Amino acid sequence: MESVRELLIEQMRDLYDAEKQLVKALPKLAKTASNEQLKEAFENHLEQTREHVQRLEQAFEALDQKARSKSCEAMKGLIEEGKETMEEDLEDALMDSALIGAAQKVEHYEIAGYGTVKTWARALGLDEVAELLEATLEEEKEADQKLTEVADGILMEAEAADQAGEEGEEVEASPRKRAGSRPGNGARARRRAS
C-alpha cells in the first residue's frame, strides 16, 4: 500500500468481513441469551449489521471498488471467545452478563475501526463515503450503550439472586450449628468453592 486511500479500502474490506461474520454470530447470541431485553438487543443489532454490510457495499461503490472481504482475524478471535462463553455452564444472569461482555468487545473493535476509516475518508474529501461510515459508527455506539443499559439491569438481578443465595446458605448452616459444627463453616466453605 502506498496511499491513505489504499489503506482505507484495505480496512473497509476488513470491516466488511467482520460484519459478515457478525451476521452469522448474532443469532447464536440471541438464542443463548435468557434476558428478553438482551435477546431483543441482539436481534435488533442483527438487522443493523445487515444494513452495515449494505452501507459498506455502497461505500465501495462510491470508491469505484468491488466489495471484497479481507479476512478479519480479530473478529474471528472475538467470535471464538463468544462461542467459548456460550459453552460455559453458567446461571442465566451470569451467562447474559458474559454474553454482554463478549458483545461489547466486538462493539468496541467496530467503533475503533469505523472511527478510523471515517476519519481517513473525511481527510481525503470522500464525503459520501465518510457519511456512510459515520452512520454505521453512530449505530455501533448506540448498540454499545444499549448493551450497557441491559447489563445494568441484569447485574442488579444477579446481585439480588446472590444475596438470596447467601441468605439461604446461612439458614442451611443453622442445623449444623446445633449439631456442634463451628458456626458458619459450611456457608463460608460453599462460598469459597463457588
C-alpha atoms as a PDB file:
ATOM      1  CA  MET A   1       0.000   0.000   0.000  1.00  0.00           C
ATOM      2  CA  GLU A   2       1.287   3.401  -0.916  1.00  0.00           C
ATOM      3  CA  SER A   3      -1.554   5.767  -0.017  1.00  0.00           C
ATOM      4  CA  VAL A   4      -4.153   6.526   2.638  1.00  0.00           C
ATOM      5  CA  ARG A   5      -6.832   5.710   0.057  1.00  0.00           C
ATOM      6  CA  GLU A   6      -5.450   2.197  -0.350  1.00  0.00           C
ATOM      7  CA  LEU A   7      -5.245   1.852   3.424  1.00  0.00           C
ATOM      8  CA  LEU A   8      -8.873   2.997   3.694  1.00  0.00           C
ATOM      9  CA  ILE A   9     -10.006   0.385   1.163  1.00  0.00           C
ATOM     10  CA  GLU A  10      -7.999  -2.333   2.917  1.00  0.00           C
ATOM     11  CA  GLN A  11      -9.532  -1.501   6.306  1.00  0.00           C
ATOM     12  CA  MET A  12     -13.030  -1.311   4.811  1.00  0.00           C
ATOM     13  CA  ARG A  13     -12.503  -4.844   3.455  1.00  0.00           C
ATOM     14  CA  ASP A  14     -11.554  -5.946   6.958  1.00  0.00           C
ATOM     15  CA  LEU A  15     -14.724  -4.362   8.386  1.00  0.00           C
ATOM     16  CA  TYR A  16     -16.791  -5.886   5.571  1.00  0.00           C
ATOM     17  CA  ASP A  17     -15.618  -9.356   6.596  1.00  0.00           C
ATOM     18  CA  ALA A  18     -16.156  -8.543  10.283  1.00  0.00           C
ATOM     19  CA  GLU A  19     -19.766  -7.500   9.641  1.00  0.00           C
ATOM     20  CA  LYS A  20     -20.472 -10.629   7.583  1.00  0.00           C
ATOM     21  CA  GLN A  21     -19.083 -12.787  10.401  1.00  0.00           C
ATOM     22  CA  LEU A  22     -21.378 -10.984  12.842  1.00  0.00           C
ATOM     23  CA  VAL A  23     -24.448 -11.645  10.701  1.00  0.00           C
ATOM     24  CA  LYS A  24     -23.771 -15.344  11.360  1.00  0.00           C
ATOM     25  CA  ALA A  25     -22.829 -14.962  15.050  1.00  0.00           C
ATOM     26  CA  LEU A  26     -25.576 -12.674  16.376  1.00  0.00           C
ATOM     27  CA  PRO A  27     -28.450 -15.199  16.021  1.00  0.00           C
ATOM     28  CA  LYS A  28     -26.488 -17.629  18.222  1.00  0.00           C
ATOM     29  CA  LEU A  29     -26.013 -14.939  20.884  1.00  0.00           C
ATOM     30  CA  ALA A  30     -29.728 -14.108  20.766  1.00  0.00           C
ATOM     31  CA  LYS A  31     -30.634 -17.799  21.118  1.00  0.00           C
ATOM     32  CA  THR A  32     -28.309 -18.260  24.120  1.00  0.00           C
ATOM     33  CA  ALA A  33     -29.470 -15.126  25.973  1.00  0.00           C
ATOM     34  CA  SER A  34     -32.212 -15.651  28.557  1.00  0.00           C
ATOM     35  CA  ASN A  35     -32.996 -11.987  29.275  1.00  0.00           C
ATOM     36  CA  GLU A  36     -35.677 -10.724  26.870  1.00  0.00           C
ATOM     37  CA  GLN A  37     -34.143  -7.241  26.567  1.00  0.00           C
ATOM     38  CA  LEU A  38     -30.802  -8.798  25.686  1.00  0.00           C
ATOM     39  CA  LYS A  39     -32.359 -11.125  23.088  1.00  0.00           C
ATOM     40  CA  GLU A  40     -34.097  -8.105  21.574  1.00  0.00           C
ATOM     41  CA  ALA A  41     -30.869  -6.068  21.573  1.00  0.00           C
ATOM     42  CA  PHE A  42     -29.050  -8.858  19.712  1.00  0.00           C
ATOM     43  CA  GLU A  43     -31.917  -9.288  17.227  1.00  0.00           C
ATOM     44  CA  ASN A  44     -32.118  -5.534  16.568  1.00  0.00           C
ATOM     45  CA  HIS A  45     -28.371  -5.328  16.108  1.00  0.00           C
ATOM     46  CA  LEU A  46     -28.527  -8.221  13.638  1.00  0.00           C
ATOM     47  CA  GLU A  47     -30.839  -6.112  11.450  1.00  0.00           C
ATOM     48  CA  GLN A  48     -28.481  -3.136  11.794  1.00  0.00           C
ATOM     49  CA  THR A  49     -25.495  -5.318  10.963  1.00  0.00           C
ATOM     50  CA  ARG A  50     -27.143  -6.363   7.707  1.00  0.00           C
ATOM     51  CA  GLU A  51     -27.539  -2.654   6.936  1.00  0.00           C
ATOM     52  CA  HIS A  52     -23.865  -2.099   7.826  1.00  0.00           C
ATOM     53  CA  VAL A  53     -22.916  -4.665   5.171  1.00  0.00           C
ATOM     54  CA  GLN A  54     -25.055  -2.793   2.631  1.00  0.00           C
ATOM     55  CA  ARG A  55     -23.557   0.576   3.621  1.00  0.00           C
ATOM     56  CA  LEU A  56     -20.054  -0.768   3.144  1.00  0.00           C
ATOM     57  CA  GLU A  57     -21.107  -2.036  -0.288  1.00  0.00           C
ATOM     58  CA  GLN A  58     -22.352   1.482  -1.099  1.00  0.00           C
ATOM     59  CA  ALA A  59     -19.065   2.947   0.158  1.00  0.00           C
ATOM     60  CA  PHE A  60     -17.056   0.561  -2.046  1.00  0.00           C
ATOM     61  CA  GLU A  61     -19.233   1.555  -4.991  1.00  0.00           C
ATOM     62  CA  ALA A  62     -18.607   5.249  -4.269  1.00  0.00           C
ATOM     63  CA  LEU A  63     -14.874   4.452  -4.380  1.00  0.00           C
ATOM     64  CA  ASP A  64     -15.288   2.536  -7.686  1.00  0.00           C
ATOM     65  CA  GLN A  65     -14.177  -0.611  -5.893  1.00  0.00           C
ATOM     66  CA  LYS A  66     -15.622  -4.097  -5.836  1.00  0.00           C
ATOM     67  CA  ALA A  67     -16.983  -5.013  -2.404  1.00  0.00           C
ATOM     68  CA  ARG A  68     -14.495  -7.654  -1.308  1.00  0.00           C
ATOM     69  CA  SER A  69     -13.676  -9.072   2.090  1.00  0.00           C
ATOM     70  CA  LYS A  70     -10.272  -9.326   3.684  1.00  0.00           C
ATOM     71  CA  SER A  71     -10.292 -11.975   6.407  1.00  0.00           C
ATOM     72  CA  CYS A  72     -10.757 -10.198   9.735  1.00  0.00           C
ATOM     73  CA  GLU A  73      -8.748 -12.311  12.148  1.00  0.00           C
ATOM     74  CA  ALA A  74      -9.577 -10.045  15.094  1.00  0.00           C
ATOM     75  CA  MET A  75     -13.314 -10.640  14.646  1.00  0.00           C
ATOM     76  CA  LYS A  76     -12.710 -14.387  14.277  1.00  0.00           C
ATOM     77  CA  GLY A  77     -10.956 -14.321  17.643  1.00  0.00           C
ATOM     78  CA  LEU A  78     -13.676 -12.267  19.319  1.00  0.00           C
ATOM     79  CA  ILE A  79     -16.389 -14.563  17.969  1.00  0.00           C
ATOM     80  CA  GLU A  80     -14.430 -17.609  19.100  1.00  0.00           C
ATOM     81  CA  GLU A  81     -14.250 -16.128  22.614  1.00  0.00           C
ATOM     82  CA  GLY A  82     -18.008 -15.628  22.464  1.00  0.00           C
ATOM     83  CA  LYS A  83     -18.514 -19.285  21.462  1.00  0.00           C
ATOM     84  CA  GLU A  84     -16.377 -20.415  24.395  1.00  0.00           C
ATOM     85  CA  THR A  85     -18.508 -18.258  26.688  1.00  0.00           C
ATOM     86  CA  MET A  86     -21.698 -19.855  25.365  1.00  0.00           C
ATOM     87  CA  GLU A  87     -20.306 -23.314  26.189  1.00  0.00           C
ATOM     88  CA  GLU A  88     -19.813 -22.408  29.880  1.00  0.00           C
ATOM     89  CA  ASP A  89     -22.247 -23.804  32.432  1.00  0.00           C
ATOM     90  CA  LEU A  90     -23.461 -20.559  33.998  1.00  0.00           C
ATOM     91  CA  GLU A  91     -26.656 -19.403  35.662  1.00  0.00           C
ATOM     92  CA  ASP A  92     -28.841 -17.298  33.352  1.00  0.00           C
ATOM     93  CA  ALA A  93     -27.859 -13.876  34.730  1.00  0.00           C
ATOM     94  CA  LEU A  94     -24.171 -14.774  34.684  1.00  0.00           C
ATOM     95  CA  MET A  95     -24.408 -16.124  31.127  1.00  0.00           C
ATOM     96  CA  ASP A  96     -26.214 -12.975  29.976  1.00  0.00           C
ATOM     97  CA  SER A  97     -23.562 -10.817  31.646  1.00  0.00           C
ATOM     98  CA  ALA A  98     -20.798 -12.828  29.967  1.00  0.00           C
ATOM     99  CA  LEU A  99     -22.545 -12.526  26.577  1.00  0.00           C
ATOM    100  CA  ILE A 100     -22.754  -8.763  27.022  1.00  0.00           C
ATOM    101  CA  GLY A 101     -19.036  -8.646  27.810  1.00  0.00           C
ATOM    102  CA  ALA A 102     -18.262 -10.609  24.635  1.00  0.00           C
ATOM    103  CA  ALA A 103     -20.603  -8.441  22.542  1.00  0.00           C
ATOM    104  CA  GLN A 104     -19.154  -5.197  23.897  1.00  0.00           C
ATOM    105  CA  LYS A 105     -15.640  -6.314  22.943  1.00  0.00           C
ATOM    106  CA  VAL A 106     -16.976  -6.673  19.404  1.00  0.00           C
ATOM    107  CA  GLU A 107     -18.681  -3.274  19.530  1.00  0.00           C
ATOM    108  CA  HIS A 108     -15.529  -1.563  20.766  1.00  0.00           C
ATOM    109  CA  TYR A 109     -13.497  -3.178  17.983  1.00  0.00           C
ATOM    110  CA  GLU A 110     -16.015  -1.914  15.423  1.00  0.00           C
ATOM    111  CA  ILE A 111     -16.193   1.555  16.966  1.00  0.00           C
ATOM    112  CA  ALA A 112     -12.407   1.827  16.677  1.00  0.00           C
ATOM    113  CA  GLY A 113     -12.433   0.539  13.090  1.00  0.00           C
ATOM    114  CA  TYR A 114     -15.262   2.743  11.847  1.00  0.00           C
ATOM    115  CA  GLY A 115     -13.897   5.784  13.655  1.00  0.00           C
ATOM    116  CA  THR A 116     -10.577   5.358  11.875  1.00  0.00           C
ATOM    117  CA  VAL A 117     -11.919   4.784   8.356  1.00  0.00           C
ATOM    118  CA  LYS A 118     -14.435   7.615   8.704  1.00  0.00           C
ATOM    119  CA  THR A 119     -11.607   9.987   9.665  1.00  0.00           C
ATOM    120  CA  TRP A 120      -9.482   8.854   6.714  1.00  0.00           C
ATOM    121  CA  ALA A 121     -12.401   9.240   4.287  1.00  0.00           C
ATOM    122  CA  ARG A 122     -13.124  12.731   5.636  1.00  0.00           C
ATOM    123  CA  ALA A 123      -9.437  13.702   5.332  1.00  0.00           C
ATOM    124  CA  LEU A 124      -9.426  12.519   1.705  1.00  0.00           C
ATOM    125  CA  GLY A 125     -12.502  14.610   0.920  1.00  0.00           C
ATOM    126  CA  LEU A 126     -14.614  11.486   0.342  1.00  0.00           C
ATOM    127  CA  ASP A 127     -17.711  12.960   1.974  1.00  0.00           C
ATOM    128  CA  GLU A 128     -20.208  10.368   0.705  1.00  0.00           C
ATOM    129  CA  VAL A 129     -18.038   7.531   1.990  1.00  0.00           C
ATOM    130  CA  ALA A 130     -17.424   9.345   5.285  1.00  0.00           C
ATOM    131  CA  GLU A 131     -21.171   9.852   5.821  1.00  0.00           C
ATOM    132  CA  LEU A 132     -21.905   6.164   5.219  1.00  0.00           C
ATOM    133  CA  LEU A 133     -19.176   5.159   7.676  1.00  0.00           C
ATOM    134  CA  GLU A 134     -20.320   7.781  10.200  1.00  0.00           C
ATOM    135  CA  ALA A 135     -23.892   6.413  10.134  1.00  0.00           C
ATOM    136  CA  THR A 136     -22.607   2.941  10.995  1.00  0.00           C
ATOM    137  CA  LEU A 137     -20.244   4.307  13.646  1.00  0.00           C
ATOM    138  CA  GLU A 138     -23.163   6.010  15.402  1.00  0.00           C
ATOM    139  CA  GLU A 139     -25.220   2.805  15.352  1.00  0.00           C
ATOM    140  CA  GLU A 140     -22.297   0.846  16.819  1.00  0.00           C
ATOM    141  CA  LYS A 141     -22.043   3.379  19.648  1.00  0.00           C
ATOM    142  CA  GLU A 142     -25.810   3.130  20.254  1.00  0.00           C
ATOM    143  CA  ALA A 143     -25.616  -0.675  20.322  1.00  0.00           C
ATOM    144  CA  ASP A 144     -22.796  -0.497  22.870  1.00  0.00           C
ATOM    145  CA  GLN A 145     -24.826   1.908  25.029  1.00  0.00           C
ATOM    146  CA  LYS A 146     -27.902  -0.343  24.823  1.00  0.00           C
ATOM    147  CA  LEU A 147     -25.804  -3.320  25.980  1.00  0.00           C
ATOM    148  CA  THR A 148     -24.561  -1.249  28.933  1.00  0.00           C
ATOM    149  CA  GLU A 149     -28.150  -0.391  29.912  1.00  0.00           C
ATOM    150  CA  VAL A 150     -29.257  -4.029  29.671  1.00  0.00           C
ATOM    151  CA  ALA A 151     -26.161  -5.102  31.639  1.00  0.00           C
ATOM    152  CA  ASP A 152     -27.068  -2.767  34.498  1.00  0.00           C
ATOM    153  CA  GLY A 153     -30.474  -4.438  34.864  1.00  0.00           C
ATOM    154  CA  ILE A 154     -29.028  -7.945  34.641  1.00  0.00           C
ATOM    155  CA  LEU A 155     -26.351  -7.172  37.230  1.00  0.00           C
ATOM    156  CA  MET A 156     -28.993  -5.903  39.657  1.00  0.00           C
ATOM    157  CA  GLU A 157     -30.903  -9.184  39.178  1.00  0.00           C
ATOM    158  CA  ALA A 158     -27.709 -11.222  39.681  1.00  0.00           C
ATOM    159  CA  GLU A 159     -26.841  -9.341  42.866  1.00  0.00           C
ATOM    160  CA  ALA A 160     -30.352  -9.919  44.234  1.00  0.00           C
ATOM    161  CA  ALA A 161     -30.022 -13.643  43.428  1.00  0.00           C
ATOM    162  CA  ASP A 162     -26.588 -13.762  45.105  1.00  0.00           C
ATOM    163  CA  GLN A 163     -27.975 -12.131  48.249  1.00  0.00           C
ATOM    164  CA  ALA A 164     -30.915 -14.523  48.319  1.00  0.00           C
ATOM    165  CA  GLY A 165     -28.485 -17.428  47.866  1.00  0.00           C
ATOM    166  CA  GLU A 166     -26.280 -16.244  50.714  1.00  0.00           C
ATOM    167  CA  GLU A 167     -29.278 -15.857  52.996  1.00  0.00           C
ATOM    168  CA  GLY A 168     -30.321 -19.403  52.049  1.00  0.00           C
ATOM    169  CA  GLU A 169     -26.836 -20.676  52.900  1.00  0.00           C
ATOM    170  CA  GLU A 170     -26.989 -19.065  56.344  1.00  0.00           C
ATOM    171  CA  VAL A 171     -30.345 -20.715  57.013  1.00  0.00           C
ATOM    172  CA  GLU A 172     -28.958 -24.009  55.704  1.00  0.00           C
ATOM    173  CA  ALA A 173     -25.949 -23.720  58.038  1.00  0.00           C
ATOM    174  CA  SER A 174     -28.124 -23.292  61.145  1.00  0.00           C
ATOM    175  CA  PRO A 175     -28.868 -27.000  61.782  1.00  0.00           C
ATOM    176  CA  ARG A 176     -25.140 -27.696  61.683  1.00  0.00           C
ATOM    177  CA  LYS A 177     -24.619 -25.185  64.479  1.00  0.00           C
ATOM    178  CA  ARG A 178     -26.993 -27.188  66.606  1.00  0.00           C
ATOM    179  CA  ALA A 179     -25.188 -30.367  65.616  1.00  0.00           C
ATOM    180  CA  GLY A 180     -21.960 -28.983  67.064  1.00  0.00           C
ATOM    181  CA  SER A 181     -20.017 -27.799  63.987  1.00  0.00           C
ATOM    182  CA  ARG A 182     -18.300 -24.436  64.051  1.00  0.00           C
ATOM    183  CA  PRO A 183     -20.663 -21.517  63.304  1.00  0.00           C
ATOM    184  CA  GLY A 184     -20.979 -20.593  59.620  1.00  0.00           C
ATOM    185  CA  ASN A 185     -18.271 -23.007  58.450  1.00  0.00           C
ATOM    186  CA  GLY A 186     -20.468 -24.688  55.842  1.00  0.00           C
ATOM    187  CA  ALA A 187     -21.681 -21.443  54.285  1.00  0.00           C
ATOM    188  CA  ARG A 188     -18.171 -19.991  54.072  1.00  0.00           C
ATOM    189  CA  ALA A 189     -16.798 -23.187  52.562  1.00  0.00           C
ATOM    190  CA  ARG A 190     -19.529 -23.212  49.927  1.00  0.00           C
ATOM    191  CA  ARG A 191     -18.882 -19.538  49.068  1.00  0.00           C
ATOM    192  CA  ARG A 192     -15.149 -20.226  48.727  1.00  0.00           C
ATOM    193  CA  ALA A 193     -15.832 -23.224  46.490  1.00  0.00           C
ATOM    194  CA  SER A 194     -18.067 -21.224  44.155  1.00  0.00           C
END
